[in-house]
């Protein structure tokens, strides 16, 4: 597999995890967009793309664990915009 295919695979995986995390954490996307937080959202996306806890994230998303995902670098950001 070439470098571009690996990059595309990682981007697909990480964006899927971030989308699932946004849903699981009940992030209000309308309020997020309305708050003009483009810079914060961009930082959260980059943070997720660089995150080394993908396996832990996937396991947490598949579990019924109601605790705060302390491994997630975006946890406070998600809390800020939760419904």
PDB file of N, CA and C in Angstrom:
ATOM      1  N   UNK A   1       0.852  -1.173   0.000  1.00  0.00           N
ATOM      2  CA  UNK A   1       0.000   0.000   0.000  1.00  0.00           C
ATOM      3  C   UNK A   1       0.894   1.232   0.000  1.00  0.00           C
ATOM      4  N   UNK A   2       0.595   2.166  -0.869  1.00  0.00           N
ATOM      5  CA  UNK A   2       1.393   3.381  -0.969  1.00  0.00           C
ATOM      6  C   UNK A   2       1.071   4.376   0.127  1.00  0.00           C
ATOM      7  N   UNK A   3       1.901   5.387   0.201  1.00  0.00           N
ATOM      8  CA  UNK A   3       1.765   6.405   1.244  1.00  0.00           C
ATOM      9  C   UNK A   3       0.432   7.142   1.159  1.00  0.00           C
ATOM     10  N   UNK A   4      -0.006   7.453  -0.069  1.00  0.00           N
ATOM     11  CA  UNK A   4      -1.264   8.185  -0.209  1.00  0.00           C
ATOM     12  C   UNK A   4      -2.461   7.340   0.200  1.00  0.00           C
ATOM     13  N   UNK A   5      -2.400   6.070  -0.071  1.00  0.00           N
ATOM     14  CA  UNK A   5      -3.480   5.172   0.344  1.00  0.00           C
ATOM     15  C   UNK A   5      -3.521   5.062   1.869  1.00  0.00           C
ATOM     16  N   UNK A   6      -2.349   4.996   2.503  1.00  0.00           N
ATOM     17  CA  UNK A   6      -2.297   4.932   3.971  1.00  0.00           C
ATOM     18  C   UNK A   6      -2.824   6.220   4.591  1.00  0.00           C
ATOM     19  N   UNK A   7      -2.467   7.354   3.995  1.00  0.00           N
ATOM     20  CA  UNK A   7      -2.960   8.639   4.498  1.00  0.00           C
ATOM     21  C   UNK A   7      -4.478   8.711   4.349  1.00  0.00           C
ATOM     22  N   UNK A   8      -4.979   8.289   3.202  1.00  0.00           N
ATOM     23  CA  UNK A   8      -6.430   8.306   2.971  1.00  0.00           C
ATOM     24  C   UNK A   8      -7.150   7.382   3.947  1.00  0.00           C
ATOM     25  N   UNK A   9      -6.584   6.203   4.199  1.00  0.00           N
ATOM     26  CA  UNK A   9      -7.182   5.264   5.156  1.00  0.00           C
ATOM     27  C   UNK A   9      -7.232   5.871   6.560  1.00  0.00           C
ATOM     28  N   UNK A  10      -6.139   6.509   6.964  1.00  0.00           N
ATOM     29  CA  UNK A  10      -6.100   7.124   8.297  1.00  0.00           C
ATOM     30  C   UNK A  10      -7.120   8.255   8.393  1.00  0.00           C
ATOM     31  N   UNK A  11      -7.203   9.071   7.367  1.00  0.00           N
ATOM     32  CA  UNK A  11      -8.171  10.176   7.378  1.00  0.00           C
ATOM     33  C   UNK A  11      -9.592   9.641   7.459  1.00  0.00           C
ATOM     34  N   UNK A  12      -9.889   8.584   6.741  1.00  0.00           N
ATOM     35  CA  UNK A  12     -11.218   7.970   6.802  1.00  0.00           C
ATOM     36  C   UNK A  12     -11.516   7.441   8.204  1.00  0.00           C
ATOM     37  N   UNK A  13     -10.541   6.718   8.777  1.00  0.00           N
ATOM     38  CA  UNK A  13     -10.745   6.141  10.106  1.00  0.00           C
ATOM     39  C   UNK A  13     -10.935   7.233  11.146  1.00  0.00           C
ATOM     40  N   UNK A  14     -10.050   8.218  11.147  1.00  0.00           N
ATOM     41  CA  UNK A  14     -10.100   9.265  12.162  1.00  0.00           C
ATOM     42  C   UNK A  14     -11.346  10.125  12.018  1.00  0.00           C
ATOM     43  N   UNK A  15     -11.750  10.428  10.790  1.00  0.00           N
ATOM     44  CA  UNK A  15     -12.960  11.236  10.634  1.00  0.00           C
ATOM     45  C   UNK A  15     -14.189  10.446  11.075  1.00  0.00           C
ATOM     46  N   UNK A  16     -14.191   9.141  10.845  1.00  0.00           N
ATOM     47  CA  UNK A  16     -15.287   8.303  11.327  1.00  0.00           C
ATOM     48  C   UNK A  16     -15.347   8.275  12.844  1.00  0.00           C
ATOM     49  N   UNK A  17     -14.179   8.171  13.478  1.00  0.00           N
ATOM     50  CA  UNK A  17     -14.129   8.178  14.940  1.00  0.00           C
ATOM     51  C   UNK A  17     -14.590   9.526  15.491  1.00  0.00           C
ATOM     52  N   UNK A  18     -14.161  10.602  14.854  1.00  0.00           N
ATOM     53  CA  UNK A  18     -14.562  11.920  15.348  1.00  0.00           C
ATOM     54  C   UNK A  18     -16.068  12.121  15.190  1.00  0.00           C
ATOM     55  N   UNK A  19     -16.620  11.698  14.067  1.00  0.00           N
ATOM     56  CA  UNK A  19     -18.061  11.809  13.873  1.00  0.00           C
ATOM     57  C   UNK A  19     -18.828  11.010  14.914  1.00  0.00           C
ATOM     58  N   UNK A  20     -18.349   9.803  15.202  1.00  0.00           N
ATOM     59  CA  UNK A  20     -19.002   8.965  16.211  1.00  0.00           C
ATOM     60  C   UNK A  20     -18.875   9.581  17.599  1.00  0.00           C
ATOM     61  N   UNK A  21     -17.723  10.177  17.885  1.00  0.00           N
ATOM     62  CA  UNK A  21     -17.511  10.815  19.186  1.00  0.00           C
ATOM     63  C   UNK A  21     -18.420  12.037  19.333  1.00  0.00           C
ATOM     64  N   UNK A  22     -18.570  12.812  18.256  1.00  0.00           N
ATOM     65  CA  UNK A  22     -19.462  13.972  18.302  1.00  0.00           C
ATOM     66  C   UNK A  22     -20.881  13.536  18.637  1.00  0.00           C
ATOM     67  N   UNK A  23     -21.325  12.436  18.036  1.00  0.00           N
ATOM     68  CA  UNK A  23     -22.677  11.921  18.318  1.00  0.00           C
ATOM     69  C   UNK A  23     -22.775  11.394  19.738  1.00  0.00           C
ATOM     70  N   UNK A  24     -21.808  10.581  20.124  1.00  0.00           N
ATOM     71  CA  UNK A  24     -21.845   9.955  21.452  1.00  0.00           C
ATOM     72  C   UNK A  24     -21.789  10.991  22.561  1.00  0.00           C
ATOM     73  N   UNK A  25     -21.036  12.063  22.349  1.00  0.00           N
ATOM     74  CA  UNK A  25     -20.906  13.121  23.362  1.00  0.00           C
ATOM     75  C   UNK A  25     -22.010  14.160  23.238  1.00  0.00           C
ATOM     76  N   UNK A  26     -22.951  13.949  22.305  1.00  0.00           N
ATOM     77  CA  UNK A  26     -24.111  14.821  22.119  1.00  0.00           C
ATOM     78  C   UNK A  26     -23.708  16.274  21.846  1.00  0.00           C
ATOM     79  N   UNK A  27     -22.733  16.434  20.956  1.00  0.00           N
ATOM     80  CA  UNK A  27     -22.283  17.774  20.594  1.00  0.00           C
ATOM     81  C   UNK A  27     -23.339  18.423  19.704  1.00  0.00           C
ATOM     82  N   UNK A  28     -23.733  19.620  20.054  1.00  0.00           N
ATOM     83  CA  UNK A  28     -24.724  20.384  19.313  1.00  0.00           C
ATOM     84  C   UNK A  28     -24.010  21.096  18.159  1.00  0.00           C
ATOM     85  N   UNK A  29     -24.053  20.495  16.982  1.00  0.00           N
ATOM     86  CA  UNK A  29     -23.327  21.032  15.845  1.00  0.00           C
ATOM     87  C   UNK A  29     -23.853  22.399  15.415  1.00  0.00           C
ATOM     88  N   UNK A  30     -25.151  22.640  15.558  1.00  0.00           N
ATOM     89  CA  UNK A  30     -25.702  23.944  15.206  1.00  0.00           C
ATOM     90  C   UNK A  30     -25.134  25.034  16.101  1.00  0.00           C
ATOM     91  N   UNK A  31     -25.043  24.753  17.373  1.00  0.00           N
ATOM     92  CA  UNK A  31     -24.484  25.729  18.300  1.00  0.00           C
ATOM     93  C   UNK A  31     -22.989  25.911  18.041  1.00  0.00           C
ATOM     94  N   UNK A  32     -22.329  24.843  17.680  1.00  0.00           N
ATOM     95  CA  UNK A  32     -20.900  24.894  17.368  1.00  0.00           C
ATOM     96  C   UNK A  32     -20.658  25.792  16.162  1.00  0.00           C
ATOM     97  N   UNK A  33     -21.421  25.595  15.104  1.00  0.00           N
ATOM     98  CA  UNK A  33     -21.276  26.394  13.893  1.00  0.00           C
ATOM     99  C   UNK A  33     -21.714  27.838  14.161  1.00  0.00           C
ATOM    100  N   UNK A  34     -22.802  28.003  14.888  1.00  0.00           N
ATOM    101  CA  UNK A  34     -23.319  29.330  15.180  1.00  0.00           C
ATOM    102  C   UNK A  34     -22.400  30.151  16.064  1.00  0.00           C
ATOM    103  N   UNK A  35     -21.569  29.496  16.830  1.00  0.00           N
ATOM    104  CA  UNK A  35     -20.667  30.202  17.738  1.00  0.00           C
ATOM    105  C   UNK A  35     -19.451  30.758  17.004  1.00  0.00           C
ATOM    106  N   UNK A  36     -19.346  30.461  15.719  1.00  0.00           N
ATOM    107  CA  UNK A  36     -18.207  30.947  14.947  1.00  0.00           C
ATOM    108  C   UNK A  36     -16.899  30.349  15.417  1.00  0.00           C
ATOM    109  N   UNK A  37     -16.936  29.097  15.773  1.00  0.00           N
ATOM    110  CA  UNK A  37     -15.758  28.440  16.345  1.00  0.00           C
ATOM    111  C   UNK A  37     -14.956  27.682  15.292  1.00  0.00           C
ATOM    112  N   UNK A  38     -14.826  28.274  14.112  1.00  0.00           N
ATOM    113  CA  UNK A  38     -14.091  27.627  13.032  1.00  0.00           C
ATOM    114  C   UNK A  38     -12.664  27.258  13.439  1.00  0.00           C
ATOM    115  N   UNK A  39     -12.013  28.159  14.136  1.00  0.00           N
ATOM    116  CA  UNK A  39     -10.627  27.912  14.549  1.00  0.00           C
ATOM    117  C   UNK A  39     -10.559  26.745  15.535  1.00  0.00           C
ATOM    118  N   UNK A  40     -11.497  26.715  16.480  1.00  0.00           N
ATOM    119  CA  UNK A  40     -11.525  25.624  17.458  1.00  0.00           C
ATOM    120  C   UNK A  40     -11.818  24.294  16.772  1.00  0.00           C
ATOM    121  N   UNK A  41     -12.770  24.296  15.854  1.00  0.00           N
ATOM    122  CA  UNK A  41     -13.123  23.065  15.156  1.00  0.00           C
ATOM    123  C   UNK A  41     -11.950  22.580  14.319  1.00  0.00           C
ATOM    124  N   UNK A  42     -11.269  23.481  13.649  1.00  0.00           N
ATOM    125  CA  UNK A  42     -10.087  23.116  12.874  1.00  0.00           C
ATOM    126  C   UNK A  42      -9.019  22.494  13.755  1.00  0.00           C
ATOM    127  N   UNK A  43      -8.805  23.071  14.929  1.00  0.00           N
ATOM    128  CA  UNK A  43      -7.820  22.527  15.867  1.00  0.00           C
ATOM    129  C   UNK A  43      -8.245  21.141  16.347  1.00  0.00           C
ATOM    130  N   UNK A  44      -9.549  20.954  16.602  1.00  0.00           N
ATOM    131  CA  UNK A  44     -10.051  19.651  17.049  1.00  0.00           C
ATOM    132  C   UNK A  44      -9.871  18.598  15.961  1.00  0.00           C
ATOM    133  N   UNK A  45     -10.129  18.965  14.725  1.00  0.00           N
ATOM    134  CA  UNK A  45      -9.949  18.025  13.612  1.00  0.00           C
ATOM    135  C   UNK A  45      -8.484  17.631  13.481  1.00  0.00           C
ATOM    136  N   UNK A  46      -7.581  18.615  13.532  1.00  0.00           N
ATOM    137  CA  UNK A  46      -6.143  18.298  13.432  1.00  0.00           C
ATOM    138  C   UNK A  46      -5.695  17.435  14.598  1.00  0.00           C
ATOM    139  N   UNK A  47      -6.218  17.727  15.790  1.00  0.00           N
ATOM    140  CA  UNK A  47      -5.873  16.949  16.972  1.00  0.00           C
ATOM    141  C   UNK A  47      -6.315  15.498  16.809  1.00  0.00           C
ATOM    142  N   UNK A  48      -7.506  15.302  16.271  1.00  0.00           N
ATOM    143  CA  UNK A  48      -8.020  13.956  16.049  1.00  0.00           C
ATOM    144  C   UNK A  48      -7.193  13.223  14.989  1.00  0.00           C
ATOM    145  N   UNK A  49      -6.839  13.911  13.931  1.00  0.00           N
ATOM    146  CA  UNK A  49      -6.053  13.285  12.863  1.00  0.00           C
ATOM    147  C   UNK A  49      -4.687  12.818  13.374  1.00  0.00           C
ATOM    148  N   UNK A  50      -4.133  13.542  14.341  1.00  0.00           N
ATOM    149  CA  UNK A  50      -2.817  13.200  14.878  1.00  0.00           C
ATOM    150  C   UNK A  50      -2.887  12.290  16.106  1.00  0.00           C
ATOM    151  N   UNK A  51      -4.090  11.995  16.587  1.00  0.00           N
ATOM    152  CA  UNK A  51      -4.262  11.239  17.827  1.00  0.00           C
ATOM    153  C   UNK A  51      -3.697   9.823  17.709  1.00  0.00           C
ATOM    154  N   UNK A  52      -3.048   9.379  18.755  1.00  0.00           N
ATOM    155  CA  UNK A  52      -2.464   8.029  18.807  1.00  0.00           C
ATOM    156  C   UNK A  52      -3.336   7.057  19.600  1.00  0.00           C
ATOM    157  N   UNK A  53      -4.543   7.483  19.974  1.00  0.00           N
ATOM    158  CA  UNK A  53      -5.429   6.649  20.793  1.00  0.00           C
ATOM    159  C   UNK A  53      -6.609   6.101  19.996  1.00  0.00           C
ATOM    160  N   UNK A  54      -6.420   5.862  18.708  1.00  0.00           N
ATOM    161  CA  UNK A  54      -7.522   5.398  17.854  1.00  0.00           C
ATOM    162  C   UNK A  54      -8.146   4.101  18.363  1.00  0.00           C
ATOM    163  N   UNK A  55      -7.317   3.153  18.772  1.00  0.00           N
ATOM    164  CA  UNK A  55      -7.832   1.881  19.281  1.00  0.00           C
ATOM    165  C   UNK A  55      -8.630   2.066  20.550  1.00  0.00           C
ATOM    166  N   UNK A  56      -8.110   2.859  21.442  1.00  0.00           N
ATOM    167  CA  UNK A  56      -8.800   3.134  22.706  1.00  0.00           C
ATOM    168  C   UNK A  56     -10.113   3.874  22.435  1.00  0.00           C
ATOM    169  N   UNK A  57     -10.081   4.797  21.478  1.00  0.00           N
ATOM    170  CA  UNK A  57     -11.277   5.542  21.101  1.00  0.00           C
ATOM    171  C   UNK A  57     -12.336   4.590  20.552  1.00  0.00           C
ATOM    172  N   UNK A  58     -11.942   3.725  19.645  1.00  0.00           N
ATOM    173  CA  UNK A  58     -12.877   2.767  19.050  1.00  0.00           C
ATOM    174  C   UNK A  58     -13.484   1.875  20.126  1.00  0.00           C
ATOM    175  N   UNK A  59     -12.657   1.384  21.041  1.00  0.00           N
ATOM    176  CA  UNK A  59     -13.150   0.536  22.135  1.00  0.00           C
ATOM    177  C   UNK A  59     -14.136   1.297  23.017  1.00  0.00           C
ATOM    178  N   UNK A  60     -13.826   2.550  23.343  1.00  0.00           N
ATOM    179  CA  UNK A  60     -14.714   3.353  24.180  1.00  0.00           C
ATOM    180  C   UNK A  60     -16.038   3.582  23.473  1.00  0.00           C
ATOM    181  N   UNK A  61     -15.988   3.887  22.183  1.00  0.00           N
ATOM    182  CA  UNK A  61     -17.212   4.132  21.420  1.00  0.00           C
ATOM    183  C   UNK A  61     -18.087   2.886  21.339  1.00  0.00           C
ATOM    184  N   UNK A  62     -17.484   1.714  21.320  1.00  0.00           N
ATOM    185  CA  UNK A  62     -18.228   0.456  21.221  1.00  0.00           C
ATOM    186  C   UNK A  62     -18.736  -0.026  22.573  1.00  0.00           C
ATOM    187  N   UNK A  63     -18.259   0.582  23.652  1.00  0.00           N
ATOM    188  CA  UNK A  63     -18.656   0.153  24.992  1.00  0.00           C
ATOM    189  C   UNK A  63     -19.839   0.974  25.486  1.00  0.00           C
ATOM    190  N   UNK A  64     -20.326   0.593  26.657  1.00  0.00           N
ATOM    191  CA  UNK A  64     -21.373   1.354  27.331  1.00  0.00           C
ATOM    192  C   UNK A  64     -20.779   2.230  28.418  1.00  0.00           C
ATOM    193  N   UNK A  65     -19.470   2.426  28.349  1.00  0.00           N
ATOM    194  CA  UNK A  65     -18.755   3.192  29.354  1.00  0.00           C
ATOM    195  C   UNK A  65     -19.260   4.631  29.372  1.00  0.00           C
ATOM    196  N   UNK A  66     -19.777   5.057  30.496  1.00  0.00           N
ATOM    197  CA  UNK A  66     -20.310   6.407  30.614  1.00  0.00           C
ATOM    198  C   UNK A  66     -19.311   7.400  31.182  1.00  0.00           C
ATOM    199  N   UNK A  67     -18.096   6.946  31.424  1.00  0.00           N
ATOM    200  CA  UNK A  67     -17.099   7.851  31.991  1.00  0.00           C
ATOM    201  C   UNK A  67     -16.541   8.775  30.921  1.00  0.00           C
ATOM    202  N   UNK A  68     -15.912   9.827  31.385  1.00  0.00           N
ATOM    203  CA  UNK A  68     -15.255  10.784  30.494  1.00  0.00           C
ATOM    204  C   UNK A  68     -14.092  10.069  29.782  1.00  0.00           C
ATOM    205  N   UNK A  69     -14.000  10.219  28.468  1.00  0.00           N
ATOM    206  CA  UNK A  69     -12.892   9.577  27.751  1.00  0.00           C
ATOM    207  C   UNK A  69     -11.595  10.367  27.970  1.00  0.00           C
ATOM    208  N   UNK A  70     -10.895  10.072  29.061  1.00  0.00           N
ATOM    209  CA  UNK A  70      -9.717  10.850  29.442  1.00  0.00           C
ATOM    210  C   UNK A  70      -8.569  10.733  28.446  1.00  0.00           C
ATOM    211  N   UNK A  71      -8.633   9.772  27.551  1.00  0.00           N
ATOM    212  CA  UNK A  71      -7.605   9.612  26.520  1.00  0.00           C
ATOM    213  C   UNK A  71      -7.796  10.603  25.373  1.00  0.00           C
ATOM    214  N   UNK A  72      -8.963  11.229  25.294  1.00  0.00           N
ATOM    215  CA  UNK A  72      -9.336  12.064  24.146  1.00  0.00           C
ATOM    216  C   UNK A  72      -8.827  13.494  24.309  1.00  0.00           C
ATOM    217  N   UNK A  73      -7.994  13.965  23.381  1.00  0.00           N
ATOM    218  CA  UNK A  73      -7.490  15.327  23.483  1.00  0.00           C
ATOM    219  C   UNK A  73      -8.578  16.384  23.237  1.00  0.00           C
ATOM    220  N   UNK A  74      -9.729  15.970  22.702  1.00  0.00           N
ATOM    221  CA  UNK A  74     -10.812  16.903  22.413  1.00  0.00           C
ATOM    222  C   UNK A  74     -11.952  16.839  23.430  1.00  0.00           C
ATOM    223  N   UNK A  75     -11.778  16.123  24.520  1.00  0.00           N
ATOM    224  CA  UNK A  75     -12.866  15.925  25.489  1.00  0.00           C
ATOM    225  C   UNK A  75     -13.441  17.249  25.986  1.00  0.00           C
ATOM    226  N   UNK A  76     -12.605  18.208  26.350  1.00  0.00           N
ATOM    227  CA  UNK A  76     -13.109  19.493  26.852  1.00  0.00           C
ATOM    228  C   UNK A  76     -13.841  20.263  25.756  1.00  0.00           C
ATOM    229  N   UNK A  77     -13.335  20.189  24.534  1.00  0.00           N
ATOM    230  CA  UNK A  77     -13.989  20.851  23.408  1.00  0.00           C
ATOM    231  C   UNK A  77     -15.387  20.276  23.204  1.00  0.00           C
ATOM    232  N   UNK A  78     -15.510  18.933  23.234  1.00  0.00           N
ATOM    233  CA  UNK A  78     -16.811  18.294  23.084  1.00  0.00           C
ATOM    234  C   UNK A  78     -17.751  18.694  24.209  1.00  0.00           C
ATOM    235  N   UNK A  79     -17.251  18.741  25.437  1.00  0.00           N
ATOM    236  CA  UNK A  79     -18.071  19.140  26.583  1.00  0.00           C
ATOM    237  C   UNK A  79     -18.598  20.564  26.420  1.00  0.00           C
ATOM    238  N   UNK A  80     -17.776  21.426  25.877  1.00  0.00           N
ATOM    239  CA  UNK A  80     -18.143  22.828  25.717  1.00  0.00           C
ATOM    240  C   UNK A  80     -19.373  22.997  24.821  1.00  0.00           C
ATOM    241  N   UNK A  81     -19.544  22.092  23.857  1.00  0.00           N
ATOM    242  CA  UNK A  81     -20.645  22.220  22.907  1.00  0.00           C
ATOM    243  C   UNK A  81     -21.683  21.087  23.014  1.00  0.00           C
ATOM    244  N   UNK A  82     -21.663  20.394  24.148  1.00  0.00           N
ATOM    245  CA  UNK A  82     -22.646  19.322  24.356  1.00  0.00           C
ATOM    246  C   UNK A  82     -24.027  19.912  24.609  1.00  0.00           C
ATOM    247  N   UNK A  83     -25.040  19.179  24.188  1.00  0.00           N
ATOM    248  CA  UNK A  83     -26.437  19.627  24.403  1.00  0.00           C
ATOM    249  C   UNK A  83     -26.804  19.450  25.845  1.00  0.00           C
TER     250      UNK A  83
END
